[in-house]
């Protein structure tokens, strides 16, 4: 008995201003084409979260705004596609593959890490190595698997508010070597 072969191809493009996925399936029974909504890009999830986090009253954009329940944040484009030359420079300057998308710096020397994944996203090979390493060093990575920009923003704000409510005010026992006065702890 002959085996039937089915092939499936997927292409992501824009139609009417929206990202869509065109799925073409070819088999002995014929060809079918299906157009479905494409998942949101992970950088868009992160950007929505950053906008919401920066809008929080606890967000400190400068040293003058730092208080007991404040935070700031930073991110790198670690997952960005690079030329070979740019990849060599990135590696030489310490950019590590697999680092989390967002770093949240809390008052008192606490560092929290967030990784964003869309509804279909899975950790990369470098993240499967890097995230456990960071956790072993005391910096666990929280992965937020979300489907929309709104969900990314809401869950990020809730996560940071939770961290702010439970964070010890001077977790950094080297606080005397920082700009924090000893009375701040």
Protein backbone atom coordinates (compact mmCIF):
# COMPACT_ATOMS: atom_id res chain seq x y z
CA UNK A 1 0.00 0.00 0.00
CA UNK A 2 1.40 3.39 -0.99
CA UNK A 3 1.95 6.00 1.65
CA UNK A 4 0.34 9.36 1.12
CA UNK A 5 2.47 12.40 1.63
CA UNK A 6 1.11 15.55 3.17
CA UNK A 7 3.15 18.73 3.12
CA UNK A 8 2.41 21.80 5.15
CA UNK A 9 4.01 25.20 4.61
CA UNK A 10 3.56 28.31 6.69
CA UNK A 11 4.21 31.89 5.72
CA UNK A 12 3.71 34.96 7.89
CA UNK A 13 2.81 38.23 6.19
CA UNK A 14 0.55 41.26 6.52
CA UNK A 15 -3.00 41.50 5.21
CA UNK A 16 -5.13 44.60 5.77
CA UNK A 17 -2.56 45.88 8.27
CA UNK A 18 -2.60 42.75 10.44
CA UNK A 19 0.00 40.01 10.79
CA UNK A 20 -1.42 36.76 9.51
CA UNK A 21 -0.16 33.27 8.94
CA UNK A 22 -0.96 31.54 5.65
CA UNK A 23 -0.96 27.76 6.07
CA UNK A 24 -0.95 25.68 2.89
CA UNK A 25 -1.53 21.94 3.15
CA UNK A 26 -1.01 19.71 0.12
CA UNK A 27 -1.99 16.04 0.03
CA UNK A 28 -3.43 13.45 -2.34
CA UNK A 29 -6.87 14.82 -1.48
CA UNK A 30 -5.91 18.27 -2.76
CA UNK A 31 -4.59 21.57 -1.50
CA UNK A 32 -6.10 23.72 1.22
CA UNK A 33 -5.11 27.24 2.20
CA UNK A 34 -6.00 28.64 5.59
CA UNK A 35 -5.37 32.20 6.82
CA UNK A 36 -5.14 32.65 10.58
CA UNK A 37 -4.03 35.36 12.94
CA UNK A 38 -0.29 35.25 13.63
CA UNK A 39 0.91 35.39 17.23
CA UNK A 40 2.13 38.75 18.46
CA UNK A 41 5.89 39.27 18.21
CA UNK A 42 7.76 38.94 21.49
CA UNK A 43 9.40 42.37 21.19
CA UNK A 44 5.91 43.90 21.01
CA UNK A 45 4.94 42.12 24.23
CA UNK A 46 8.06 43.45 25.92
CA UNK A 47 7.50 46.99 24.61
CA UNK A 48 3.92 47.03 25.92
CA UNK A 49 5.12 45.82 29.31
CA UNK A 50 7.88 48.44 29.45
CA UNK A 51 5.40 51.23 28.62
CA UNK A 52 3.13 50.13 31.46
CA UNK A 53 5.96 49.66 33.94
CA UNK A 54 7.38 53.10 33.17
CA UNK A 55 3.92 54.60 33.78
CA UNK A 56 3.84 53.25 37.35
CA UNK A 57 4.37 55.87 40.08
CA UNK A 58 7.06 53.64 41.63
CA UNK A 59 9.19 53.79 38.48
CA UNK A 60 12.37 55.80 39.06
CA UNK A 61 13.80 57.37 35.91
CA UNK A 62 16.50 59.18 37.91
CA UNK A 63 18.31 58.93 41.25
CA UNK A 64 16.22 61.81 42.57
CA UNK A 65 13.08 59.65 42.24
CA UNK A 66 14.44 56.63 44.16
CA UNK A 67 12.49 55.74 47.28
CA UNK A 68 11.87 52.71 49.50
CA UNK A 69 9.39 51.12 47.06
CA UNK A 70 10.86 52.19 43.74
CA UNK A 71 12.36 50.38 40.78
CA UNK A 72 13.94 50.97 37.42
CA UNK A 73 14.47 48.66 34.49
CA UNK A 74 16.74 47.86 31.57
CA UNK A 75 16.82 45.53 28.61
CA UNK A 76 19.13 44.50 25.78
CA UNK A 77 18.42 43.21 22.31
CA UNK A 78 20.15 39.90 23.05
CA UNK A 79 17.91 37.97 20.69
CA UNK A 80 18.36 40.38 17.80
CA UNK A 81 19.68 39.04 14.51
CA UNK A 82 23.25 40.17 13.88
CA UNK A 83 25.79 40.01 11.12
CA UNK A 84 28.81 37.79 11.83
CA UNK A 85 30.88 40.88 12.66
CA UNK A 86 28.23 42.27 15.01
CA UNK A 87 27.89 38.86 16.69
CA UNK A 88 31.65 38.72 17.34
CA UNK A 89 31.58 42.23 18.84
CA UNK A 90 28.52 41.40 20.97
CA UNK A 91 30.15 38.27 22.36
CA UNK A 92 33.47 40.05 23.01
CA UNK A 93 31.72 42.85 24.91
CA UNK A 94 29.81 40.45 27.17
CA UNK A 95 26.37 40.25 25.60
CA UNK A 96 25.24 36.77 26.60
CA UNK A 97 22.91 34.67 24.49
CA UNK A 98 19.90 33.54 26.47
CA UNK A 99 19.81 36.45 28.91
CA UNK A 100 16.28 37.42 29.99
CA UNK A 101 14.40 40.14 28.14
CA UNK A 102 13.98 42.56 31.04
CA UNK A 103 15.93 43.37 34.19
CA UNK A 104 14.01 45.01 37.03
CA UNK A 105 16.17 46.72 39.65
CA UNK A 106 14.42 47.09 43.00
CA UNK A 107 15.42 49.34 45.88
CA UNK A 108 17.97 47.76 48.21
CA UNK A 109 19.99 45.85 45.65
CA UNK A 110 17.39 43.34 44.44
CA UNK A 111 17.50 42.20 40.81
CA UNK A 112 14.50 40.52 39.19
CA UNK A 113 14.40 39.06 35.68
CA UNK A 114 11.54 38.62 33.20
CA UNK A 115 11.41 36.63 29.96
CA UNK A 116 8.50 37.18 27.54
CA UNK A 117 7.10 34.43 25.33
CA UNK A 118 4.13 34.66 23.02
CA UNK A 119 1.40 32.01 23.11
CA UNK A 120 3.46 29.69 20.90
CA UNK A 121 6.91 30.64 22.17
CA UNK A 122 9.31 28.20 23.77
CA UNK A 123 12.72 28.79 25.36
CA UNK A 124 15.67 28.80 22.99
CA UNK A 125 18.62 26.45 23.46
CA UNK A 126 20.68 29.29 24.94
CA UNK A 127 17.85 30.20 27.35
CA UNK A 128 17.63 26.57 28.51
CA UNK A 129 21.28 26.93 29.56
CA UNK A 130 21.35 30.54 30.77
CA UNK A 131 18.14 30.72 32.84
CA UNK A 132 19.05 27.79 35.14
CA UNK A 133 22.53 29.31 35.56
CA UNK A 134 21.02 32.62 36.67
CA UNK A 135 18.64 30.80 39.03
CA UNK A 136 21.58 28.89 40.57
CA UNK A 137 23.24 32.25 41.24
CA UNK A 138 20.12 33.46 43.05
CA UNK A 139 18.44 35.29 40.17
CA UNK A 140 15.47 33.20 39.01
CA UNK A 141 13.88 34.18 35.71
CA UNK A 142 10.10 34.58 35.58
CA UNK A 143 8.76 33.62 32.17
CA UNK A 144 5.51 35.32 31.20
CA UNK A 145 3.76 33.40 28.43
CA UNK A 146 1.12 35.77 27.10
CA UNK A 147 -1.04 36.12 24.00
CA UNK A 148 -1.59 39.89 23.79
CA UNK A 149 0.21 43.14 24.50
CA UNK A 150 -2.46 44.01 27.07
CA UNK A 151 -1.89 40.74 28.92
CA UNK A 152 1.88 41.31 28.90
CA UNK A 153 1.41 44.78 30.38
CA UNK A 154 -1.09 43.69 33.04
CA UNK A 155 0.89 40.65 34.18
CA UNK A 156 4.17 42.60 34.25
CA UNK A 157 2.68 45.37 36.39
CA UNK A 158 1.13 42.80 38.76
CA UNK A 159 4.43 40.93 39.00
CA UNK A 160 6.45 44.06 39.79
CA UNK A 161 3.85 45.28 42.31
CA UNK A 162 4.14 41.89 44.02
CA UNK A 163 7.92 42.15 44.13
CA UNK A 164 7.72 45.69 45.51
CA UNK A 165 5.33 44.62 48.27
CA UNK A 166 7.55 41.76 49.47
CA UNK A 167 11.06 43.06 48.76
CA UNK A 168 13.29 43.56 51.77
CA UNK A 169 14.45 47.12 51.74
CA UNK A 170 18.16 46.30 51.91
CA UNK A 171 18.80 42.86 50.49
CA UNK A 172 22.23 44.01 49.36
CA UNK A 173 24.48 43.43 52.36
CA UNK A 174 27.13 45.60 50.70
CA UNK A 175 24.89 48.63 51.09
CA UNK A 176 27.61 50.57 52.93
CA UNK A 177 29.67 50.46 49.73
CA UNK A 178 26.85 52.02 47.71
CA UNK A 179 25.32 55.45 47.73
CA UNK A 180 22.64 54.30 50.17
CA UNK A 181 23.05 55.74 53.64
CA UNK A 182 23.34 53.08 56.34
CA UNK A 183 20.13 54.46 57.87
CA UNK A 184 18.24 53.42 54.72
CA UNK A 185 18.46 49.76 55.76
